[in-house]
Amino acid sequence: MESQSQIRLARERAGVGVRELARRLGVTGSAVSQWERNEIVGSAKFETISKALAALDEDLVVSTRPRERAAVRALSRREERVSLELHRAIAKKLIDDPDFVLGFVPANIDRMRRVARGPLAHGWLDEWAMLARGSLGGLIDSMLSTDQRAIDLRQNSPFAGSLTQDERVEAIERAAR
């Protein structure tokens, strides 16, 4: 699964074609297409993406997190180790069949949003939604990181249903070793 353009995703959500977005922005359709290509390869300017999304009534949200230290953090709590092992199993399935695993994410996020309390929980769900729309490698890196942000994200995982009961038991047993 390759990286996706946030501009294109926003256009598709809004039901807007390249020409219509170009008209709204006062540019050519080929300019919009080039922006989308630039975004996929990582050479798009922040201002360009933000401007295009604003024309689609969307905001570009950027977040930061501390960089993970070179040494892998030891996961001290059992629930952290279990969660990491479960997500390792999910990552393997993502590599083999991304459409199957990612198919669970939208409905799970919607369900979790209905019961989530507070902006922190909604922020984790927003981050999962963004990661699921991005590159598969970026999603897996975030899922398997040992920094505190990843630990928190895994506690609010939208992948329920993607592992069989046997796969879950195997992952939990690996965490106990």
Protein backbone atom coordinates (compact mmCIF):
# COMPACT_ATOMS: atom_id res chain seq x y z
CA MET A 1 0.00 0.00 0.00
CA GLU A 2 1.57 3.29 -1.03
CA SER A 3 1.29 6.68 0.59
CA GLN A 4 -1.86 8.56 -0.22
CA SER A 5 -2.48 12.22 -0.91
CA GLN A 6 -4.46 13.96 1.81
CA ILE A 7 -5.67 16.40 -0.86
CA ARG A 8 -7.04 13.56 -2.96
CA LEU A 9 -8.64 11.86 0.06
CA ALA A 10 -10.32 15.14 1.04
CA ARG A 11 -11.50 15.69 -2.55
CA GLU A 12 -13.01 12.21 -2.63
CA ARG A 13 -14.72 12.71 0.75
CA ALA A 14 -16.20 15.97 -0.53
CA GLY A 15 -17.15 14.50 -3.92
CA VAL A 16 -15.06 17.14 -5.68
CA GLY A 17 -13.10 16.49 -8.86
CA VAL A 18 -9.70 17.86 -9.80
CA ARG A 19 -11.21 20.52 -12.09
CA GLU A 20 -13.63 21.76 -9.44
CA LEU A 21 -10.89 22.04 -6.82
CA ALA A 22 -8.70 23.85 -9.36
CA ARG A 23 -11.57 26.28 -10.07
CA ARG A 24 -12.01 26.98 -6.36
CA LEU A 25 -8.29 27.69 -5.99
CA GLY A 26 -7.83 29.64 -9.22
CA VAL A 27 -5.25 27.21 -10.62
CA THR A 28 -5.18 24.62 -13.38
CA GLY A 29 -6.28 21.02 -12.99
CA SER A 30 -2.76 19.90 -13.81
CA ALA A 31 -1.49 21.97 -10.86
CA VAL A 32 -3.85 20.13 -8.49
CA SER A 33 -2.77 16.77 -9.94
CA GLN A 34 0.88 17.75 -9.50
CA TRP A 35 0.24 18.75 -5.86
CA GLU A 36 -1.30 15.34 -5.21
CA ARG A 37 1.69 13.58 -6.79
CA ASN A 38 4.12 15.79 -4.85
CA GLU A 39 2.32 14.95 -1.63
CA ILE A 40 2.67 11.20 -2.27
CA VAL A 41 6.43 11.46 -2.84
CA GLY A 42 6.87 13.82 0.12
CA SER A 43 7.83 16.98 -1.74
CA ALA A 44 4.60 18.97 -1.31
CA LYS A 45 4.72 22.20 0.65
CA PHE A 46 2.77 22.42 3.88
CA GLU A 47 1.16 25.67 2.72
CA THR A 48 -0.01 24.09 -0.55
CA ILE A 49 -1.65 21.13 1.19
CA SER A 50 -3.25 23.41 3.77
CA LYS A 51 -4.60 25.76 1.07
CA ALA A 52 -6.10 22.90 -0.95
CA LEU A 53 -7.70 21.33 2.13
CA ALA A 54 -9.15 24.69 3.20
CA ALA A 55 -10.86 24.94 -0.20
CA LEU A 56 -12.50 21.61 0.67
CA ASP A 57 -13.56 22.83 4.15
CA GLU A 58 -10.93 20.69 5.88
CA ASP A 59 -8.01 21.58 8.11
CA LEU A 60 -4.53 20.14 7.99
CA VAL A 61 -3.69 18.93 11.48
CA VAL A 62 -0.08 18.37 12.43
CA SER A 63 1.01 16.82 15.68
CA THR A 64 4.36 16.17 17.23
CA ARG A 65 5.75 13.50 19.48
CA PRO A 66 9.13 13.04 21.07
CA ARG A 67 11.59 10.95 19.12
CA GLU A 68 12.18 7.49 20.43
CA ARG A 69 15.52 6.99 22.10
CA ALA A 70 17.99 4.74 20.29
CA ALA A 71 17.65 2.01 22.90
CA VAL A 72 14.34 0.19 22.85
CA ARG A 73 12.35 1.03 25.94
CA ALA A 74 11.64 -1.97 28.11
CA LEU A 75 7.91 -2.38 28.43
CA SER A 76 7.52 -2.72 32.17
CA ARG A 77 3.81 -3.51 32.47
CA ARG A 78 2.28 -6.79 31.33
CA GLU A 79 -0.56 -5.02 29.53
CA GLU A 80 2.00 -3.03 27.49
CA ARG A 81 3.80 -6.23 26.45
CA VAL A 82 0.51 -7.96 25.56
CA SER A 83 -0.66 -4.99 23.55
CA LEU A 84 2.63 -4.84 21.64
CA GLU A 85 2.48 -8.57 20.83
CA LEU A 86 -1.13 -8.24 19.67
CA HIS A 87 -0.12 -5.38 17.39
CA ARG A 88 2.85 -7.37 16.07
CA ALA A 89 0.36 -10.06 15.02
CA ILE A 90 -1.88 -7.39 13.46
CA ALA A 91 1.14 -5.91 11.62
CA LYS A 92 1.91 -9.30 10.08
CA LYS A 93 -1.68 -9.54 8.85
CA LEU A 94 -1.49 -5.95 7.56
CA ILE A 95 1.49 -6.86 5.41
CA ASP A 96 -0.26 -9.95 4.03
CA ASP A 97 -3.73 -8.48 3.58
CA PRO A 98 -3.97 -4.74 4.28
CA ASP A 99 -7.51 -4.40 2.91
CA PHE A 100 -8.82 -7.06 5.30
CA VAL A 101 -7.24 -5.52 8.41
CA LEU A 102 -7.89 -1.89 7.45
CA GLY A 103 -11.51 -2.83 6.72
CA PHE A 104 -12.15 -3.04 10.48
CA VAL A 105 -10.74 0.41 11.27
CA PRO A 106 -13.49 2.86 10.17
CA ALA A 107 -16.36 1.09 11.95
CA ASN A 108 -14.25 0.51 15.07
CA ILE A 109 -13.20 4.16 15.19
CA ASP A 110 -16.82 5.28 14.77
CA ARG A 111 -17.93 2.95 17.56
CA MET A 112 -15.09 4.08 19.83
CA ARG A 113 -15.85 7.77 19.16
CA ARG A 114 -19.38 7.30 20.46
CA VAL A 115 -18.13 6.10 23.85
CA ALA A 116 -14.82 8.00 24.11
CA ARG A 117 -14.67 10.68 26.77
CA GLY A 118 -12.49 13.74 26.49
CA PRO A 119 -10.21 15.28 23.91
CA LEU A 120 -7.29 12.95 24.65
CA ALA A 121 -9.23 9.84 23.62
CA HIS A 122 -10.58 11.60 20.55
CA GLY A 123 -7.03 12.67 19.69
CA TRP A 124 -5.85 9.05 19.73
CA LEU A 125 -8.74 8.08 17.46
CA ASP A 126 -7.94 10.96 15.12
CA GLU A 127 -4.32 9.80 15.00
CA TRP A 128 -5.35 6.22 14.22
CA ALA A 129 -7.64 7.48 11.44
CA MET A 130 -4.80 9.53 9.96
CA LEU A 131 -2.31 6.64 10.24
CA ALA A 132 -4.76 4.23 8.58
CA ARG A 133 -5.08 6.60 5.59
CA GLY A 134 -1.31 7.00 5.24
CA SER A 135 1.44 4.64 4.25
CA LEU A 136 1.40 1.06 5.47
CA GLY A 137 4.99 1.42 6.66
CA GLY A 138 4.16 4.50 8.70
CA LEU A 139 1.18 2.77 10.27
CA ILE A 140 3.22 -0.29 11.23
CA ASP A 141 6.08 1.84 12.58
CA SER A 142 3.64 3.69 14.81
CA MET A 143 1.94 0.47 15.92
CA LEU A 144 5.19 -1.21 16.93
CA SER A 145 7.09 1.68 18.44
CA THR A 146 7.95 1.47 22.12
CA ASP A 147 7.64 5.17 22.87
CA GLN A 148 4.93 6.40 25.23
CA ARG A 149 2.74 7.74 22.43
CA ALA A 150 2.63 4.31 20.75
CA ILE A 151 1.90 2.62 24.07
CA ASP A 152 -1.04 4.99 24.58
CA LEU A 153 -2.24 4.48 20.99
CA ARG A 154 -2.20 0.71 21.37
CA GLN A 155 -4.47 1.01 24.40
CA ASN A 156 -7.04 2.59 22.05
CA SER A 157 -6.57 0.31 19.07
CA PRO A 158 -9.12 0.26 16.23
CA PHE A 159 -8.14 -3.24 15.04
CA ALA A 160 -10.69 -5.27 17.02
CA GLY A 161 -11.87 -8.24 14.99
CA SER A 162 -8.79 -8.48 12.78
CA LEU A 163 -7.21 -11.35 14.75
CA THR A 164 -8.73 -14.76 15.28
CA GLN A 165 -9.06 -16.05 18.83
CA ASP A 166 -6.13 -18.43 18.24
CA GLU A 167 -3.95 -15.56 16.97
CA ARG A 168 -4.85 -13.52 20.05
CA VAL A 169 -3.99 -16.38 22.43
CA GLU A 170 -0.64 -16.96 20.68
CA ALA A 171 0.25 -13.26 20.98
CA ILE A 172 -0.69 -13.17 24.64
CA GLU A 173 1.43 -16.28 25.30
CA ARG A 174 4.41 -14.67 23.51
CA ALA A 175 4.08 -11.62 25.77
CA ALA A 176 4.28 -13.84 28.86
CA ARG A 177 7.64 -15.31 27.80
